[in-house]
Protein backbone atom coordinates (compact mmCIF):
# COMPACT_ATOMS: atom_id res chain seq x y z
CA MET A 1 31.26 7.34 16.95
CA ALA A 2 28.79 9.47 18.93
CA LEU A 3 26.52 11.75 16.95
CA THR A 4 26.83 15.48 17.38
CA MET A 5 23.72 17.65 17.67
CA ASP A 6 24.41 18.84 14.11
CA ASP A 7 24.39 15.22 12.92
CA VAL A 8 21.07 14.58 14.67
CA ASP A 9 19.59 17.81 13.30
CA ARG A 10 20.72 16.89 9.80
CA PHE A 11 18.94 13.56 10.03
CA GLU A 12 15.79 15.08 11.53
CA ALA A 13 15.66 17.57 8.68
CA SER A 14 15.58 14.60 6.29
CA ARG A 15 13.06 12.56 8.29
CA PRO A 16 9.87 13.90 6.61
CA ARG A 17 11.23 13.14 3.15
CA LEU A 18 12.47 9.70 4.21
CA GLU A 19 9.10 8.83 5.79
CA ALA A 20 7.23 9.97 2.67
CA ILE A 21 9.46 7.81 0.47
CA ALA A 22 9.16 4.79 2.77
CA TYR A 23 5.37 5.06 2.98
CA ARG A 24 5.02 5.09 -0.80
CA LEU A 25 7.37 2.12 -1.08
CA LEU A 26 5.80 0.01 1.68
CA GLY A 27 2.17 1.13 1.80
CA SER A 28 2.31 1.04 5.60
CA ALA A 29 2.89 3.95 7.96
CA SER A 30 4.17 1.74 10.79
CA ASP A 31 6.59 -0.08 8.47
CA ALA A 32 7.73 3.27 7.09
CA GLU A 33 8.47 4.55 10.59
CA ASP A 34 10.45 1.38 11.35
CA ALA A 35 12.48 1.73 8.13
CA VAL A 36 13.33 5.35 8.93
CA GLN A 37 14.32 4.44 12.48
CA ASP A 38 16.59 1.68 11.14
CA THR A 39 18.11 4.26 8.78
CA PHE A 40 18.82 6.48 11.78
CA LEU A 41 20.59 3.60 13.56
CA ARG A 42 22.84 3.14 10.52
CA TRP A 43 23.46 6.88 10.43
CA GLN A 44 24.41 6.67 14.09
CA GLY A 45 26.96 3.95 13.37
CA ALA A 46 28.43 5.53 10.25
CA ASP A 47 31.60 7.58 9.88
CA ILE A 48 29.60 10.69 9.01
CA GLY A 49 32.68 12.78 8.33
CA ARG A 50 33.40 10.62 5.29
CA ILE A 51 29.86 10.88 3.83
CA GLU A 52 30.05 13.44 1.05
CA VAL A 53 26.33 13.83 0.33
CA PRO A 54 24.25 12.89 3.40
CA GLU A 55 20.90 13.11 1.59
CA ALA A 56 22.03 10.63 -1.06
CA TRP A 57 23.52 8.32 1.57
CA LEU A 58 20.36 8.33 3.68
CA THR A 59 18.14 7.74 0.66
CA LYS A 60 20.22 4.77 -0.46
CA VAL A 61 20.23 3.18 3.01
CA LEU A 62 16.48 3.70 3.40
CA THR A 63 15.75 2.35 -0.08
CA ASN A 64 17.75 -0.82 0.52
CA LEU A 65 15.95 -1.38 3.83
CA CYS A 66 12.61 -0.94 2.07
CA LEU A 67 13.66 -3.32 -0.70
CA ASN A 68 14.39 -5.98 1.91
CA GLN A 69 10.97 -5.36 3.49
CA LEU A 70 9.19 -5.51 0.12
CA THR A 71 10.77 -8.87 -0.63
CA SER A 72 9.79 -10.35 2.73
CA ALA A 73 6.36 -8.69 2.60
CA ARG A 74 5.49 -10.63 -0.54
CA ALA A 75 6.06 -13.87 1.33
CA ARG A 76 4.06 -12.67 4.37
CA ARG A 77 1.12 -11.62 2.23
CA GLU A 78 0.76 -15.14 0.89
CA THR A 79 -0.51 -16.08 4.36
CA TYR A 80 -2.40 -12.82 4.98
CA VAL A 81 -6.06 -13.39 5.81
CA GLY A 82 -8.20 -11.93 3.02
CA GLN A 83 -7.30 -9.05 0.74
CA TRP A 84 -4.24 -6.93 1.59
CA LEU A 85 -4.70 -3.18 1.10
CA PRO A 86 -2.38 -0.29 2.00
CA GLU A 87 -2.74 1.75 5.17
CA PRO A 88 -4.71 4.93 4.37
CA LEU A 89 -3.56 8.32 5.64
CA LEU A 90 -5.96 11.15 6.37
CA THR A 91 -5.62 14.67 5.00
CA GLY A 92 -2.72 16.65 6.40
CA ASP A 93 -0.66 13.66 7.52
CA PRO A 94 2.97 14.70 6.93
CA MET A 95 3.81 11.18 5.73
CA LEU A 96 1.84 11.91 2.56
CA GLY A 97 4.81 14.04 1.56
CA PRO A 98 4.98 16.62 -1.22
CA ALA A 99 1.77 17.42 -3.11
CA ASP A 100 2.90 20.31 -5.31
CA THR A 101 2.50 18.51 -8.63
CA VAL A 102 -0.10 16.21 -10.16
CA GLU A 103 2.47 13.41 -10.22
CA GLN A 104 3.22 13.79 -6.52
CA ARG A 105 -0.44 13.77 -5.55
CA GLU A 106 -1.17 10.84 -7.84
CA SER A 107 1.72 8.74 -6.56
CA VAL A 108 0.24 8.59 -3.07
CA SER A 109 -3.40 8.09 -4.07
CA TYR A 110 -4.87 4.93 -2.60
CA ALA A 111 -5.65 3.53 -6.04
CA VAL A 112 -2.03 3.94 -7.19
CA LEU A 113 -0.64 2.49 -3.95
CA ALA A 114 -2.83 -0.55 -4.56
CA LEU A 115 -1.67 -0.77 -8.18
CA MET A 116 1.98 -0.54 -7.13
CA GLU A 117 1.57 -3.87 -5.37
CA ARG A 118 1.76 -5.39 -8.87
CA LEU A 119 5.21 -3.92 -9.52
CA SER A 120 8.50 -5.62 -8.77
CA PRO A 121 10.42 -4.08 -5.83
CA ASN A 122 12.90 -2.36 -8.18
CA GLU A 123 10.09 -1.05 -10.40
CA ARG A 124 8.37 0.38 -7.35
CA VAL A 125 11.54 2.12 -6.16
CA VAL A 126 12.21 3.69 -9.54
CA TYR A 127 8.59 4.77 -9.97
CA VAL A 128 8.40 6.38 -6.52
CA LEU A 129 11.75 8.16 -6.61
CA ARG A 130 11.28 9.42 -10.15
CA GLU A 131 7.55 10.19 -10.24
CA ALA A 132 7.03 11.52 -6.72
CA PHE A 133 10.42 12.98 -5.82
CA ASP A 134 11.86 13.84 -9.25
CA TYR A 135 15.14 12.02 -8.67
CA PRO A 136 17.21 11.86 -11.86
CA HIS A 137 17.70 8.39 -13.34
CA ARG A 138 21.43 8.67 -12.72
CA ARG A 139 20.93 8.98 -8.95
CA ILE A 140 18.31 6.23 -8.81
CA ALA A 141 20.63 3.94 -10.77
CA GLU A 142 23.38 4.58 -8.22
CA ILE A 143 21.00 3.75 -5.36
CA LEU A 144 20.00 0.45 -6.99
CA ASP A 145 23.48 -0.33 -8.36
CA ILE A 146 22.16 -0.66 -11.93
CA THR A 147 22.88 1.16 -15.15
CA GLU A 148 21.05 4.36 -16.02
CA ALA A 149 19.58 2.66 -19.11
CA ALA A 150 18.21 -0.17 -16.95
CA CYS A 151 16.72 2.40 -14.59
CA GLN A 152 14.93 4.13 -17.47
CA GLN A 153 13.54 0.81 -18.67
CA LEU A 154 12.24 -0.01 -15.18
CA PHE A 155 10.57 3.40 -14.98
CA HIS A 156 8.83 3.11 -18.34
CA ARG A 157 7.64 -0.41 -17.48
CA ALA A 158 6.36 0.66 -14.06
CA LYS A 159 4.63 3.74 -15.44
CA LYS A 160 2.95 1.63 -18.13
CA HIS A 161 1.64 -0.87 -15.55
CA VAL A 162 0.23 1.92 -13.38
CA ALA A 163 -1.27 3.76 -16.36
CA GLU A 164 -3.00 0.60 -17.57
CA GLY A 165 -4.75 0.32 -14.22
CA ARG A 166 -5.63 4.02 -14.21
CA SER A 167 -7.09 4.42 -17.69
CA ARG A 168 -9.92 6.79 -16.64
CA ALA A 169 -9.58 10.42 -15.68
CA GLU A 170 -10.80 11.52 -12.28
CA ILE A 171 -12.98 14.59 -11.78
CA ASP A 172 -12.46 17.83 -9.90
CA GLU A 173 -12.73 18.10 -6.13
CA ALA A 174 -16.09 19.89 -5.98
CA ALA A 175 -17.78 17.34 -8.25
CA ALA A 176 -16.23 14.48 -6.27
CA ARG A 177 -17.61 15.88 -2.99
CA ARG A 178 -21.06 16.17 -4.54
CA ILE A 179 -20.94 12.54 -5.66
CA VAL A 180 -19.85 11.40 -2.19
CA HIS A 181 -22.93 13.07 -0.70
CA GLU A 182 -25.14 11.59 -3.44
CA PHE A 183 -23.70 8.17 -2.71
CA LEU A 184 -24.48 8.39 1.01
CA ALA A 185 -28.04 9.48 0.24
CA ALA A 186 -28.46 6.58 -2.19
CA ALA A 187 -26.82 4.03 0.13
CA THR A 188 -29.14 4.91 3.00
CA SER A 189 -32.27 4.97 0.81
CA GLY A 190 -32.57 1.18 0.90
CA ARG A 191 -32.88 1.07 -2.91
CA THR A 192 -30.44 -0.39 -5.40
CA GLU A 193 -31.31 1.68 -8.49
CA PRO A 194 -29.92 5.05 -7.34
CA LEU A 195 -26.68 3.34 -6.31
CA VAL A 196 -26.25 1.65 -9.69
CA ALA A 197 -26.72 5.03 -11.37
CA LEU A 198 -23.71 6.42 -9.49
CA LEU A 199 -21.34 3.58 -10.37
CA THR A 200 -19.33 2.69 -13.44
CA GLY A 201 -20.36 -0.57 -15.09
CA ASP A 202 -17.16 -2.28 -13.96
CA ALA A 203 -17.10 -0.85 -10.44
CA ILE A 204 -15.44 -2.90 -7.68
CA ALA A 205 -15.67 -3.01 -3.89
CA VAL A 206 -12.93 -4.66 -1.84
CA GLY A 207 -12.05 -4.61 1.84
CA ASP A 208 -9.14 -5.48 4.14
CA GLY A 209 -10.06 -6.84 7.55
CA GLY A 210 -6.78 -8.63 8.19
CA GLY A 211 -8.67 -11.54 9.71
CA LYS A 212 -9.68 -9.31 12.63
CA VAL A 213 -12.80 -7.71 11.17
CA PRO A 214 -15.15 -9.52 8.76
CA ALA A 215 -14.31 -8.62 5.15
CA ARG A 216 -14.95 -10.55 1.97
CA ALA A 217 -11.74 -12.13 0.62
CA SER A 218 -12.58 -11.39 -3.02
CA ALA A 219 -13.88 -8.19 -4.59
CA PHE A 220 -17.46 -7.48 -5.57
CA GLU A 221 -17.38 -6.73 -9.29
CA GLY A 222 -19.87 -4.90 -11.50
CA ALA A 223 -22.28 -2.07 -10.73
CA LEU A 224 -25.20 -4.27 -9.68
CA ALA A 225 -23.16 -6.51 -7.37
CA VAL A 226 -21.46 -3.50 -5.74
CA ALA A 227 -24.77 -1.65 -5.36
CA LYS A 228 -26.42 -4.63 -3.67
CA PHE A 229 -23.45 -4.99 -1.34
CA MET A 230 -23.52 -1.29 -0.41
CA ARG A 231 -27.28 -1.33 0.10
CA GLY A 232 -26.90 -4.27 2.51
CA LEU A 233 -23.93 -2.66 4.24
CA PHE A 234 -25.94 0.46 5.05
CA LYS A 235 -29.09 -1.39 6.12
CA PRO A 236 -29.56 -0.93 9.89
CA SER A 237 -29.57 -4.03 12.09
CA GLN A 238 -28.92 -4.89 15.70
CA ALA A 239 -26.38 -7.50 14.60
CA LYS A 240 -24.25 -4.78 12.98
CA ARG A 241 -24.50 -2.56 16.03
CA ASP A 242 -23.42 -5.47 18.20
CA LEU A 243 -20.51 -6.27 15.89
CA ALA A 244 -19.34 -2.64 15.78
CA GLY A 245 -19.92 -2.13 19.48
CA GLY A 246 -22.36 0.72 18.92
CA SER A 247 -23.68 3.01 16.23
CA PRO A 248 -20.75 4.58 14.33
CA GLY A 249 -20.90 7.85 12.44
CA ILE A 250 -19.71 8.41 8.87
CA TRP A 251 -17.97 11.59 7.80
CA ALA A 252 -17.01 12.65 4.28
CA SER A 253 -13.30 13.42 4.25
CA THR A 254 -10.19 12.79 2.19
CA ALA A 255 -7.51 10.14 2.50
CA ASN A 256 -4.39 9.93 0.35
CA ASN A 257 -5.52 13.09 -1.48
CA ARG A 258 -8.79 11.55 -2.65
CA PRO A 259 -12.41 11.43 -1.41
CA ALA A 260 -13.04 9.02 1.44
CA LEU A 261 -15.60 8.06 4.03
CA VAL A 262 -14.31 7.91 7.60
CA VAL A 263 -16.24 5.63 9.97
CA VAL A 264 -15.79 6.58 13.62
CA LEU A 265 -17.08 5.05 16.84
CA ASP A 266 -16.42 6.72 20.20
CA GLY A 267 -13.54 8.73 18.74
CA ARG A 268 -11.87 5.69 17.18
CA VAL A 269 -11.58 5.30 13.42
CA ILE A 270 -12.91 1.83 12.64
CA GLY A 271 -12.96 2.12 8.87
CA ILE A 272 -11.84 4.27 5.96
CA VAL A 273 -13.49 3.80 2.58
CA CYS A 274 -11.29 5.25 -0.16
CA MET A 275 -13.36 6.10 -3.23
CA GLU A 276 -12.11 6.26 -6.80
CA ILE A 277 -14.37 8.73 -8.58
CA THR A 278 -14.09 9.15 -12.34
CA ALA A 279 -15.98 11.08 -15.00
CA GLY A 280 -18.07 7.94 -15.56
CA GLY A 281 -19.01 7.47 -11.92
CA ILE A 282 -17.61 5.76 -8.85
CA ALA A 283 -15.17 3.13 -10.09
CA ALA A 284 -13.96 1.62 -6.82
CA PHE A 285 -14.49 1.38 -3.08
CA ARG A 286 -11.40 0.20 -1.18
CA SER A 287 -12.22 -0.23 2.49
CA GLN A 288 -9.62 -0.51 5.23
CA VAL A 289 -11.13 -1.97 8.41
CA ASN A 290 -8.11 -3.80 9.83
CA PRO A 291 -7.59 -2.06 13.21
CA ASP A 292 -3.82 -2.51 12.91
CA LYS A 293 -3.89 -0.16 9.92
CA LEU A 294 -6.10 2.51 11.47
CA ALA A 295 -4.20 3.50 14.62
CA ARG A 296 -2.42 6.42 12.94
CA ALA A 297 -5.66 7.59 11.35
CA THR A 298 -7.33 7.57 14.78
CA GLU A 299 -4.52 9.72 16.20
CA ARG A 300 -4.82 12.13 13.28
CA TRP A 301 -8.61 12.27 13.61
CA ALA A 302 -8.38 13.09 17.31
CA ALA A 303 -5.70 15.72 16.77
CA ALA A 304 -7.83 17.50 14.17
CA GLY A 305 -10.43 18.41 16.82
CA ASP A 306 -14.17 18.85 16.38
CA HIS A 307 -15.52 17.34 13.15
CA GLY A 308 -19.12 18.30 13.70
CA GLU A 309 -22.00 15.88 13.30
CA PRO A 310 -21.60 12.84 11.02
CA LEU A 311 -23.42 12.83 7.71
CA VAL A 312 -25.07 9.52 8.55
CA ARG A 313 -25.24 6.86 11.25
CA PRO A 314 -25.93 3.81 9.09
CA PHE A 315 -26.56 1.29 11.87
């Protein structure tokens, strides 16, 4: 049955919410777009006149598509080259979805997206729909075809897993910006000591190059190891300029509602370093340098216009 303009408009009105759900579930903007497009194709083939609550129908179809992708993604990631990290989204990207509450902002933070990789597909669905979109357990249970009691158990288990990985409180925005600037000054000083002073004792640094850009497969762990790595990373050399194809600039920005460093070369985003900043110092650097996961960020960066001069040009 052909869609009417009202049917198309109804779907388009739901698209931002569907994309925000899919991104949180999949950790990939491109995969989220594909899942939403597949949902539209099913909407196009449905007998829409018999669908009583379109929003609920669309959410269920999208969720089941994402569940299928999550299951197959686990198998694909077994052969992924190096560490797999989510695709970061820069400030203002509509796919970040609602940010009215602490829970909504937290659910799309890069650290939580990384932690959600530890959850089972059903746990991830329940956590996202309940925590970020405030769906009642009854509706989530209907989407997953489970009992409401089972849904509540999945939520409590998922929330516990995420909380265990997020045991330290973050600090306010102004203090976080100050620490970002202090970090860049320390990283470009060529000295290890000021970097160590900014890190938590159990700080980590991990990167995702996808086999296309050099990135260590395992994380650097501990303040000293991370500081030495960062000092070396920011040390100028011709080899690095040759590898990057020039001398990139680094801007302080935000990604996934948290402080980040955006590395840009000739208008193209070639890296985003998402920083986890706590009251005790910088706890984590999660760097996305896989070009396949930076195309959307490059588009967003270009659309935002003039960013001024970079804070540093490390190479």
